[in-house]
């Protein structure tokens, strides 16, 4: 039976822990803007529902970090600040930008999780099944975002590229450090 490289598994768990925590922070920023400046209770409800999934994902990876004695990324405090700022800022721009923020991040995570699923072997069945489930949740969030008005038309295409590039950079850093 082929085993998954231990270092790879540690990188997967470290980066997924950071990413799920980052998603929570993005939603926290969006909810802060929706509770203070931009009043939209319907959008607030949808974001809270998606945030519940992210908390489930983050809790799982938090337990794995502790159980496997893996050091979290040293960049968590920075990712927290950037996540809150991205969420808050995208919401100030408007509903389309708020939803595009979710869609853009989820598109990167879809590819990221699929890559991990492809690399995990039979010795990591539980981790693999969790990542499959979490990927399905993220795809559902992406679908919600597009149903709720996410668009890549006009200047939104630039925002999409910035968010995706930032997400990919955070992934690459969090895997290693």
N, C-alpha and C. Protein backbone atom coordinates (compact mmCIF):
# COMPACT_ATOMS: atom_id res chain seq x y z
N UNK A 1 0.84 -1.19 0.00
CA UNK A 1 0.00 0.00 0.00
C UNK A 1 0.88 1.25 0.00
N UNK A 2 0.61 2.14 -0.92
CA UNK A 2 1.37 3.39 -0.98
C UNK A 2 0.90 4.32 0.12
N UNK A 3 1.88 4.95 0.77
CA UNK A 3 1.57 5.90 1.84
C UNK A 3 1.75 7.31 1.32
N UNK A 4 0.94 8.19 1.87
CA UNK A 4 1.07 9.60 1.54
C UNK A 4 2.29 10.15 2.29
N UNK A 5 3.09 10.91 1.62
CA UNK A 5 4.26 11.54 2.21
C UNK A 5 3.83 12.36 3.44
N UNK A 6 4.45 12.07 4.60
CA UNK A 6 4.09 12.72 5.87
C UNK A 6 4.23 14.24 5.79
N UNK A 7 5.30 14.70 5.15
CA UNK A 7 5.51 16.15 5.01
C UNK A 7 4.38 16.78 4.20
N UNK A 8 3.95 16.09 3.15
CA UNK A 8 2.83 16.58 2.33
C UNK A 8 1.57 16.71 3.15
N UNK A 9 1.28 15.68 3.95
CA UNK A 9 0.08 15.70 4.79
C UNK A 9 0.14 16.87 5.76
N UNK A 10 1.30 17.09 6.35
CA UNK A 10 1.45 18.22 7.27
C UNK A 10 1.21 19.54 6.54
N UNK A 11 1.74 19.67 5.34
CA UNK A 11 1.50 20.89 4.54
C UNK A 11 0.02 21.06 4.24
N UNK A 12 -0.64 19.96 3.85
CA UNK A 12 -2.07 20.02 3.54
C UNK A 12 -2.85 20.52 4.75
N UNK A 13 -2.59 19.94 5.90
CA UNK A 13 -3.35 20.30 7.10
C UNK A 13 -3.04 21.74 7.52
N UNK A 14 -1.76 22.13 7.46
CA UNK A 14 -1.38 23.50 7.83
C UNK A 14 -2.08 24.53 6.95
N UNK A 15 -2.02 24.30 5.63
CA UNK A 15 -2.60 25.27 4.71
C UNK A 15 -4.13 25.26 4.77
N UNK A 16 -4.73 24.09 4.94
CA UNK A 16 -6.19 24.02 5.01
C UNK A 16 -6.71 24.66 6.29
N UNK A 17 -5.98 24.49 7.37
CA UNK A 17 -6.31 25.15 8.63
C UNK A 17 -6.30 26.67 8.43
N UNK A 18 -5.23 27.17 7.82
CA UNK A 18 -5.12 28.61 7.58
C UNK A 18 -6.21 29.10 6.64
N UNK A 19 -6.49 28.32 5.60
CA UNK A 19 -7.49 28.73 4.61
C UNK A 19 -8.89 28.78 5.17
N UNK A 20 -9.25 27.78 5.95
CA UNK A 20 -10.60 27.77 6.53
C UNK A 20 -10.75 28.89 7.55
N UNK A 21 -9.70 29.12 8.30
CA UNK A 21 -9.72 30.24 9.25
C UNK A 21 -9.81 31.56 8.48
N UNK A 22 -9.09 31.65 7.36
CA UNK A 22 -9.17 32.85 6.52
C UNK A 22 -10.57 33.09 5.99
N UNK A 23 -11.25 32.02 5.61
CA UNK A 23 -12.63 32.15 5.11
C UNK A 23 -13.54 32.70 6.21
N UNK A 24 -13.36 32.20 7.43
CA UNK A 24 -14.15 32.72 8.55
C UNK A 24 -13.90 34.21 8.71
N UNK A 25 -12.65 34.63 8.61
CA UNK A 25 -12.30 36.04 8.79
C UNK A 25 -12.88 36.90 7.67
N UNK A 26 -12.88 36.39 6.44
CA UNK A 26 -13.51 37.14 5.33
C UNK A 26 -14.98 37.35 5.65
N UNK A 27 -15.65 36.27 6.07
CA UNK A 27 -17.07 36.41 6.42
C UNK A 27 -17.27 37.33 7.61
N UNK A 28 -16.38 37.29 8.59
CA UNK A 28 -16.47 38.21 9.73
C UNK A 28 -16.40 39.66 9.25
N UNK A 29 -15.49 39.93 8.32
CA UNK A 29 -15.37 41.28 7.76
C UNK A 29 -16.63 41.69 7.02
N UNK A 30 -17.18 40.75 6.25
CA UNK A 30 -18.41 41.05 5.52
C UNK A 30 -19.56 41.30 6.49
N UNK A 31 -19.66 40.48 7.52
CA UNK A 31 -20.73 40.64 8.49
C UNK A 31 -20.58 41.93 9.28
N UNK A 32 -19.35 42.33 9.56
CA UNK A 32 -19.12 43.60 10.26
C UNK A 32 -19.63 44.76 9.40
N UNK A 33 -19.28 44.75 8.12
CA UNK A 33 -19.76 45.81 7.22
C UNK A 33 -21.27 45.78 7.10
N UNK A 34 -21.85 44.58 7.03
CA UNK A 34 -23.31 44.44 6.89
C UNK A 34 -24.05 44.82 8.17
N UNK A 35 -23.38 44.79 9.30
CA UNK A 35 -24.01 45.13 10.58
C UNK A 35 -23.83 46.60 10.93
N UNK A 36 -22.90 47.29 10.25
CA UNK A 36 -22.61 48.68 10.63
C UNK A 36 -22.91 49.69 9.53
N UNK A 37 -22.38 49.46 8.34
CA UNK A 37 -22.46 50.47 7.29
C UNK A 37 -23.47 50.10 6.20
N UNK A 38 -23.38 48.87 5.74
CA UNK A 38 -24.22 48.39 4.63
C UNK A 38 -25.31 47.51 5.24
N UNK A 39 -26.50 47.99 5.28
CA UNK A 39 -27.58 47.20 5.89
C UNK A 39 -28.24 46.31 4.84
N UNK A 40 -28.06 45.00 5.02
CA UNK A 40 -28.69 44.04 4.12
C UNK A 40 -28.86 42.74 4.90
N UNK A 41 -30.00 42.61 5.56
CA UNK A 41 -30.23 41.46 6.43
C UNK A 41 -30.30 40.14 5.65
N UNK A 42 -30.82 40.18 4.42
CA UNK A 42 -30.92 38.96 3.61
C UNK A 42 -29.52 38.43 3.27
N UNK A 43 -28.63 39.33 2.87
CA UNK A 43 -27.26 38.95 2.54
C UNK A 43 -26.53 38.49 3.81
N UNK A 44 -26.78 39.17 4.90
CA UNK A 44 -26.17 38.80 6.18
C UNK A 44 -26.54 37.37 6.56
N UNK A 45 -27.79 37.00 6.35
CA UNK A 45 -28.26 35.65 6.67
C UNK A 45 -27.53 34.60 5.82
N UNK A 46 -27.37 34.87 4.52
CA UNK A 46 -26.69 33.93 3.63
C UNK A 46 -25.23 33.76 4.03
N UNK A 47 -24.58 34.85 4.37
CA UNK A 47 -23.17 34.79 4.75
C UNK A 47 -23.00 34.03 6.06
N UNK A 48 -23.90 34.26 7.00
CA UNK A 48 -23.84 33.51 8.27
C UNK A 48 -23.98 32.01 8.04
N UNK A 49 -24.85 31.63 7.10
CA UNK A 49 -25.03 30.20 6.78
C UNK A 49 -23.75 29.60 6.20
N UNK A 50 -23.10 30.33 5.31
CA UNK A 50 -21.86 29.83 4.72
C UNK A 50 -20.75 29.79 5.77
N UNK A 51 -20.76 30.75 6.66
CA UNK A 51 -19.74 30.80 7.71
C UNK A 51 -19.83 29.59 8.65
N UNK A 52 -21.01 29.07 8.83
CA UNK A 52 -21.18 27.87 9.68
C UNK A 52 -20.37 26.70 9.11
N UNK A 53 -20.41 26.52 7.79
CA UNK A 53 -19.62 25.46 7.14
C UNK A 53 -18.13 25.70 7.38
N UNK A 54 -17.72 26.95 7.22
CA UNK A 54 -16.29 27.26 7.38
C UNK A 54 -15.83 26.97 8.80
N UNK A 55 -16.69 27.23 9.77
CA UNK A 55 -16.33 26.92 11.17
C UNK A 55 -16.17 25.41 11.37
N UNK A 56 -17.06 24.63 10.76
CA UNK A 56 -16.94 23.17 10.83
C UNK A 56 -15.61 22.72 10.23
N UNK A 57 -15.25 23.27 9.08
CA UNK A 57 -14.00 22.92 8.42
C UNK A 57 -12.80 23.32 9.28
N UNK A 58 -12.83 24.55 9.77
CA UNK A 58 -11.71 25.06 10.58
C UNK A 58 -11.56 24.24 11.86
N UNK A 59 -12.68 23.88 12.48
CA UNK A 59 -12.62 23.07 13.71
C UNK A 59 -11.95 21.73 13.44
N UNK A 60 -12.28 21.11 12.31
CA UNK A 60 -11.67 19.83 11.96
C UNK A 60 -10.16 19.98 11.82
N UNK A 61 -9.73 20.99 11.07
CA UNK A 61 -8.29 21.15 10.85
C UNK A 61 -7.57 21.60 12.13
N UNK A 62 -8.25 22.34 12.97
CA UNK A 62 -7.68 22.72 14.27
C UNK A 62 -7.39 21.46 15.10
N UNK A 63 -8.33 20.53 15.10
CA UNK A 63 -8.13 19.27 15.83
C UNK A 63 -6.98 18.46 15.21
N UNK A 64 -6.91 18.43 13.89
CA UNK A 64 -5.84 17.69 13.22
C UNK A 64 -4.46 18.30 13.51
N UNK A 65 -4.41 19.61 13.54
CA UNK A 65 -3.15 20.32 13.87
C UNK A 65 -2.66 19.86 15.25
N UNK A 66 -3.58 19.83 16.21
CA UNK A 66 -3.22 19.44 17.58
C UNK A 66 -2.90 17.96 17.67
N UNK A 67 -3.76 17.13 17.08
CA UNK A 67 -3.60 15.68 17.15
C UNK A 67 -2.28 15.22 16.53
N UNK A 68 -1.92 15.83 15.41
CA UNK A 68 -0.72 15.42 14.67
C UNK A 68 0.51 16.25 15.04
N UNK A 69 0.31 17.19 15.97
CA UNK A 69 1.41 18.03 16.43
C UNK A 69 2.07 18.79 15.27
N UNK A 70 1.24 19.46 14.47
CA UNK A 70 1.70 20.24 13.33
C UNK A 70 1.69 21.72 13.72
N UNK A 71 2.74 22.41 13.38
CA UNK A 71 2.78 23.85 13.66
C UNK A 71 1.91 24.59 12.64
N UNK A 72 0.98 25.43 13.13
CA UNK A 72 0.20 26.24 12.18
C UNK A 72 1.12 27.23 11.46
N UNK A 73 0.64 27.80 10.39
CA UNK A 73 1.43 28.80 9.69
C UNK A 73 1.71 29.98 10.62
N UNK A 74 2.88 30.53 10.49
CA UNK A 74 3.27 31.70 11.29
C UNK A 74 2.52 32.95 10.83
N UNK A 75 1.87 32.85 9.70
CA UNK A 75 1.20 34.01 9.11
C UNK A 75 -0.27 34.16 9.52
N UNK A 76 -0.76 33.31 10.43
CA UNK A 76 -2.17 33.39 10.83
C UNK A 76 -2.61 34.80 11.21
N UNK A 77 -1.86 35.54 12.04
CA UNK A 77 -2.32 36.89 12.40
C UNK A 77 -2.45 37.81 11.18
N UNK A 78 -1.52 37.69 10.23
CA UNK A 78 -1.60 38.51 9.02
C UNK A 78 -2.80 38.09 8.18
N UNK A 79 -2.98 36.78 8.01
CA UNK A 79 -4.13 36.30 7.22
C UNK A 79 -5.44 36.74 7.86
N UNK A 80 -5.50 36.74 9.20
CA UNK A 80 -6.71 37.20 9.90
C UNK A 80 -7.03 38.65 9.51
N UNK A 81 -6.02 39.50 9.60
CA UNK A 81 -6.23 40.92 9.27
C UNK A 81 -6.62 41.12 7.81
N UNK A 82 -5.90 40.43 6.93
CA UNK A 82 -6.20 40.57 5.50
C UNK A 82 -7.58 40.01 5.17
N UNK A 83 -7.97 38.92 5.81
CA UNK A 83 -9.29 38.34 5.58
C UNK A 83 -10.40 39.29 6.00
N UNK A 84 -10.27 39.84 7.20
CA UNK A 84 -11.28 40.79 7.68
C UNK A 84 -11.33 42.01 6.75
N UNK A 85 -10.16 42.50 6.36
CA UNK A 85 -10.12 43.66 5.46
C UNK A 85 -10.73 43.37 4.10
N UNK A 86 -10.44 42.20 3.55
CA UNK A 86 -11.01 41.81 2.26
C UNK A 86 -12.53 41.70 2.35
N UNK A 87 -12.99 41.05 3.40
CA UNK A 87 -14.44 40.91 3.57
C UNK A 87 -15.13 42.25 3.75
N UNK A 88 -14.58 43.07 4.61
CA UNK A 88 -15.17 44.39 4.89
C UNK A 88 -15.14 45.25 3.63
N UNK A 89 -13.96 45.30 2.98
CA UNK A 89 -13.81 46.14 1.79
C UNK A 89 -14.69 45.71 0.64
N UNK A 90 -14.78 44.41 0.40
CA UNK A 90 -15.61 43.94 -0.72
C UNK A 90 -17.08 44.28 -0.47
N UNK A 91 -17.49 44.24 0.79
CA UNK A 91 -18.89 44.53 1.12
C UNK A 91 -19.19 46.02 0.96
N UNK A 92 -18.22 46.86 1.24
CA UNK A 92 -18.43 48.30 1.04
C UNK A 92 -18.64 48.62 -0.43
N UNK A 93 -18.03 47.85 -1.32
CA UNK A 93 -18.18 48.09 -2.76
C UNK A 93 -19.61 47.76 -3.20
N UNK A 94 -20.19 46.72 -2.62
CA UNK A 94 -21.57 46.37 -2.97
C UNK A 94 -21.78 44.87 -2.97
N UNK A 95 -23.03 44.48 -3.21
CA UNK A 95 -23.40 43.06 -3.14
C UNK A 95 -22.66 42.22 -4.18
N UNK A 96 -22.53 42.74 -5.41
CA UNK A 96 -21.82 41.97 -6.45
C UNK A 96 -20.39 41.69 -6.02
N UNK A 97 -19.72 42.69 -5.45
CA UNK A 97 -18.34 42.52 -5.00
C UNK A 97 -18.26 41.57 -3.81
N UNK A 98 -19.22 41.66 -2.92
CA UNK A 98 -19.27 40.76 -1.76
C UNK A 98 -19.35 39.31 -2.24
N UNK A 99 -20.25 39.07 -3.17
CA UNK A 99 -20.44 37.71 -3.67
C UNK A 99 -19.28 37.27 -4.56
N UNK A 100 -18.68 38.20 -5.30
CA UNK A 100 -17.53 37.84 -6.11
C UNK A 100 -16.36 37.42 -5.22
N UNK A 101 -16.22 38.08 -4.09
CA UNK A 101 -15.17 37.71 -3.14
C UNK A 101 -15.30 36.24 -2.78
N UNK A 102 -16.50 35.81 -2.44
CA UNK A 102 -16.75 34.40 -2.12
C UNK A 102 -16.46 33.52 -3.33
N UNK A 103 -17.01 33.87 -4.48
CA UNK A 103 -16.84 33.04 -5.69
C UNK A 103 -15.37 32.89 -6.06
N UNK A 104 -14.62 33.98 -6.03
CA UNK A 104 -13.21 33.94 -6.41
C UNK A 104 -12.40 33.05 -5.48
N UNK A 105 -12.60 33.23 -4.18
CA UNK A 105 -11.88 32.39 -3.21
C UNK A 105 -12.26 30.93 -3.40
N UNK A 106 -13.55 30.65 -3.55
CA UNK A 106 -14.00 29.26 -3.67
C UNK A 106 -13.48 28.60 -4.94
N UNK A 107 -13.31 29.35 -6.01
CA UNK A 107 -12.76 28.78 -7.25
C UNK A 107 -11.31 28.34 -7.04
N UNK A 108 -10.56 29.13 -6.29
CA UNK A 108 -9.17 28.75 -5.98
C UNK A 108 -9.17 27.52 -5.07
N UNK A 109 -10.05 27.51 -4.08
CA UNK A 109 -10.11 26.40 -3.11
C UNK A 109 -10.57 25.11 -3.79
N UNK A 110 -11.48 25.21 -4.73
CA UNK A 110 -11.92 24.03 -5.48
C UNK A 110 -10.71 23.34 -6.10
N UNK A 111 -9.91 24.08 -6.82
CA UNK A 111 -8.72 23.54 -7.48
C UNK A 111 -7.71 23.02 -6.43
N UNK A 112 -7.53 23.79 -5.37
CA UNK A 112 -6.59 23.44 -4.30
C UNK A 112 -6.99 22.12 -3.63
N UNK A 113 -8.26 22.01 -3.25
CA UNK A 113 -8.72 20.77 -2.60
C UNK A 113 -8.67 19.59 -3.57
N UNK A 114 -9.03 19.81 -4.82
CA UNK A 114 -8.98 18.72 -5.79
C UNK A 114 -7.55 18.20 -5.94
N UNK A 115 -6.60 19.09 -5.95
CA UNK A 115 -5.19 18.71 -6.04
C UNK A 115 -4.80 17.84 -4.83
N UNK A 116 -5.25 18.23 -3.65
CA UNK A 116 -4.95 17.44 -2.45
C UNK A 116 -5.62 16.06 -2.52
N UNK A 117 -6.86 16.03 -2.93
CA UNK A 117 -7.61 14.77 -3.04
C UNK A 117 -6.85 13.81 -3.97
N UNK A 118 -6.34 14.34 -5.07
CA UNK A 118 -5.61 13.53 -6.04
C UNK A 118 -4.31 12.96 -5.47
N UNK A 119 -3.72 13.64 -4.49
CA UNK A 119 -2.43 13.21 -3.94
C UNK A 119 -2.56 12.31 -2.71
N UNK A 120 -3.70 12.35 -2.02
CA UNK A 120 -3.85 11.56 -0.81
C UNK A 120 -4.04 10.08 -1.14
N UNK A 121 -3.36 9.24 -0.40
CA UNK A 121 -3.41 7.78 -0.61
C UNK A 121 -4.36 7.13 0.39
N UNK A 122 -4.43 5.81 0.35
CA UNK A 122 -5.36 5.05 1.20
C UNK A 122 -5.07 5.16 2.70
N UNK A 123 -3.84 5.52 3.06
CA UNK A 123 -3.52 5.64 4.49
C UNK A 123 -4.13 6.89 5.11
N UNK A 124 -4.69 7.76 4.28
CA UNK A 124 -5.31 9.00 4.77
C UNK A 124 -6.78 9.09 4.32
N UNK A 125 -7.49 7.96 4.45
CA UNK A 125 -8.89 7.90 3.98
C UNK A 125 -9.78 8.94 4.68
N UNK A 126 -9.64 9.06 6.00
CA UNK A 126 -10.50 9.98 6.74
C UNK A 126 -10.23 11.43 6.33
N UNK A 127 -8.96 11.80 6.25
CA UNK A 127 -8.60 13.16 5.82
C UNK A 127 -9.13 13.41 4.41
N UNK A 128 -8.93 12.45 3.54
CA UNK A 128 -9.39 12.59 2.15
C UNK A 128 -10.91 12.77 2.08
N UNK A 129 -11.64 11.97 2.84
CA UNK A 129 -13.11 12.08 2.80
C UNK A 129 -13.58 13.43 3.35
N UNK A 130 -12.88 13.94 4.36
CA UNK A 130 -13.23 15.26 4.89
C UNK A 130 -12.98 16.34 3.84
N UNK A 131 -11.85 16.26 3.17
CA UNK A 131 -11.53 17.26 2.14
C UNK A 131 -12.52 17.18 0.99
N UNK A 132 -12.95 15.98 0.62
CA UNK A 132 -13.98 15.83 -0.42
C UNK A 132 -15.27 16.53 0.02
N UNK A 133 -15.68 16.29 1.26
CA UNK A 133 -16.90 16.92 1.79
C UNK A 133 -16.76 18.44 1.84
N UNK A 134 -15.60 18.91 2.32
CA UNK A 134 -15.39 20.35 2.43
C UNK A 134 -15.36 21.00 1.05
N UNK A 135 -14.77 20.32 0.08
CA UNK A 135 -14.75 20.84 -1.30
C UNK A 135 -16.18 20.98 -1.82
N UNK A 136 -17.02 19.99 -1.54
CA UNK A 136 -18.44 20.07 -1.95
C UNK A 136 -19.12 21.29 -1.31
N UNK A 137 -18.84 21.53 -0.03
CA UNK A 137 -19.40 22.71 0.65
C UNK A 137 -18.93 23.99 -0.04
N UNK A 138 -17.65 24.05 -0.38
CA UNK A 138 -17.10 25.25 -1.01
C UNK A 138 -17.71 25.47 -2.40
N UNK A 139 -17.93 24.40 -3.14
CA UNK A 139 -18.59 24.52 -4.45
C UNK A 139 -20.01 25.03 -4.29
N UNK A 140 -20.67 24.59 -3.23
CA UNK A 140 -22.03 25.08 -2.93
C UNK A 140 -21.99 26.58 -2.64
N UNK A 141 -20.99 27.03 -1.88
CA UNK A 141 -20.85 28.47 -1.59
C UNK A 141 -20.63 29.26 -2.88
N UNK A 142 -19.82 28.71 -3.77
CA UNK A 142 -19.56 29.38 -5.06
C UNK A 142 -20.87 29.52 -5.84
N UNK A 143 -21.66 28.45 -5.86
CA UNK A 143 -22.95 28.48 -6.57
C UNK A 143 -23.88 29.54 -5.97
N UNK A 144 -23.91 29.61 -4.64
CA UNK A 144 -24.72 30.63 -3.97
C UNK A 144 -24.25 32.02 -4.39
N UNK A 145 -22.94 32.22 -4.40
CA UNK A 145 -22.38 33.53 -4.74
C UNK A 145 -22.80 33.96 -6.15
N UNK A 146 -22.75 33.05 -7.11
CA UNK A 146 -23.16 33.41 -8.47
C UNK A 146 -24.67 33.63 -8.55
N UNK A 147 -25.44 32.83 -7.84
CA UNK A 147 -26.90 33.05 -7.81
C UNK A 147 -27.24 34.42 -7.21
N UNK A 148 -26.42 34.86 -6.27
CA UNK A 148 -26.68 36.12 -5.57
C UNK A 148 -26.04 37.34 -6.24
N UNK A 149 -25.46 37.15 -7.42
CA UNK A 149 -25.02 38.32 -8.18
C UNK A 149 -23.54 38.46 -8.44
N UNK A 150 -22.71 37.51 -8.03
CA UNK A 150 -21.28 37.61 -8.35
C UNK A 150 -21.11 37.71 -9.85
N UNK A 151 -20.20 38.56 -10.27
CA UNK A 151 -19.94 38.75 -11.69
C UNK A 151 -18.46 39.04 -11.90
N UNK A 152 -17.98 38.72 -13.09
CA UNK A 152 -16.60 39.04 -13.46
C UNK A 152 -16.58 40.04 -14.61
N UNK A 153 -17.68 40.71 -14.81
CA UNK A 153 -17.79 41.68 -15.90
C UNK A 153 -17.13 43.00 -15.50
N UNK A 154 -16.58 43.67 -16.50
CA UNK A 154 -15.99 44.99 -16.27
C UNK A 154 -14.86 44.95 -15.25
N UNK A 155 -14.88 45.92 -14.34
CA UNK A 155 -13.82 46.03 -13.34
C UNK A 155 -13.82 44.88 -12.34
N UNK A 156 -14.93 44.18 -12.26
CA UNK A 156 -14.98 43.02 -11.36
C UNK A 156 -13.97 41.94 -11.78
N UNK A 157 -13.62 41.92 -13.08
CA UNK A 157 -12.64 40.93 -13.53
C UNK A 157 -11.28 41.20 -12.89
N UNK A 158 -10.96 42.47 -12.65
CA UNK A 158 -9.70 42.82 -11.99
C UNK A 158 -9.76 42.38 -10.53
N UNK A 159 -10.87 42.64 -9.89
CA UNK A 159 -11.04 42.22 -8.49
C UNK A 159 -10.89 40.71 -8.37
N UNK A 160 -11.48 39.97 -9.30
CA UNK A 160 -11.38 38.51 -9.31
C UNK A 160 -9.92 38.07 -9.39
N UNK A 161 -9.16 38.67 -10.27
CA UNK A 161 -7.75 38.31 -10.44
C UNK A 161 -6.94 38.64 -9.18
N UNK A 162 -7.20 39.78 -8.57
CA UNK A 162 -6.49 40.18 -7.35
C UNK A 162 -6.77 39.20 -6.22
N UNK A 163 -8.04 38.86 -6.03
CA UNK A 163 -8.41 37.94 -4.95
C UNK A 163 -7.80 36.56 -5.19
N UNK A 164 -7.87 36.08 -6.42
CA UNK A 164 -7.31 34.75 -6.73
C UNK A 164 -5.80 34.74 -6.56
N UNK A 165 -5.14 35.78 -7.01
CA UNK A 165 -3.68 35.85 -6.86
C UNK A 165 -3.30 35.88 -5.38
N UNK A 166 -3.99 36.71 -4.61
CA UNK A 166 -3.73 36.78 -3.17
C UNK A 166 -3.97 35.45 -2.48
N UNK A 167 -5.03 34.77 -2.87
CA UNK A 167 -5.34 33.46 -2.28
C UNK A 167 -4.26 32.44 -2.60
N UNK A 168 -3.79 32.43 -3.83
CA UNK A 168 -2.75 31.48 -4.24
C UNK A 168 -1.43 31.76 -3.53
N UNK A 169 -1.11 33.03 -3.35
CA UNK A 169 0.11 33.40 -2.62
C UNK A 169 0.00 32.93 -1.16
N UNK A 170 -1.16 33.17 -0.54
CA UNK A 170 -1.36 32.74 0.86
C UNK A 170 -1.25 31.22 0.97
N UNK A 171 -1.78 30.50 0.00
CA UNK A 171 -1.68 29.03 0.00
C UNK A 171 -0.22 28.61 -0.06
N UNK A 172 0.53 29.16 -0.99
CA UNK A 172 1.93 28.77 -1.16
C UNK A 172 2.76 29.07 0.09
N UNK A 173 2.53 30.21 0.71
CA UNK A 173 3.27 30.57 1.92
C UNK A 173 2.85 29.66 3.08
N UNK A 174 1.55 29.46 3.25
CA UNK A 174 1.05 28.71 4.42
C UNK A 174 1.42 27.24 4.38
N UNK A 175 1.63 26.68 3.20
CA UNK A 175 2.07 25.29 3.12
C UNK A 175 3.43 25.11 3.77
N UNK A 176 4.30 26.09 3.59
CA UNK A 176 5.71 25.94 3.97
C UNK A 176 6.07 26.59 5.30
N UNK A 177 5.43 27.70 5.63
CA UNK A 177 5.87 28.47 6.80
C UNK A 177 4.74 28.56 7.84
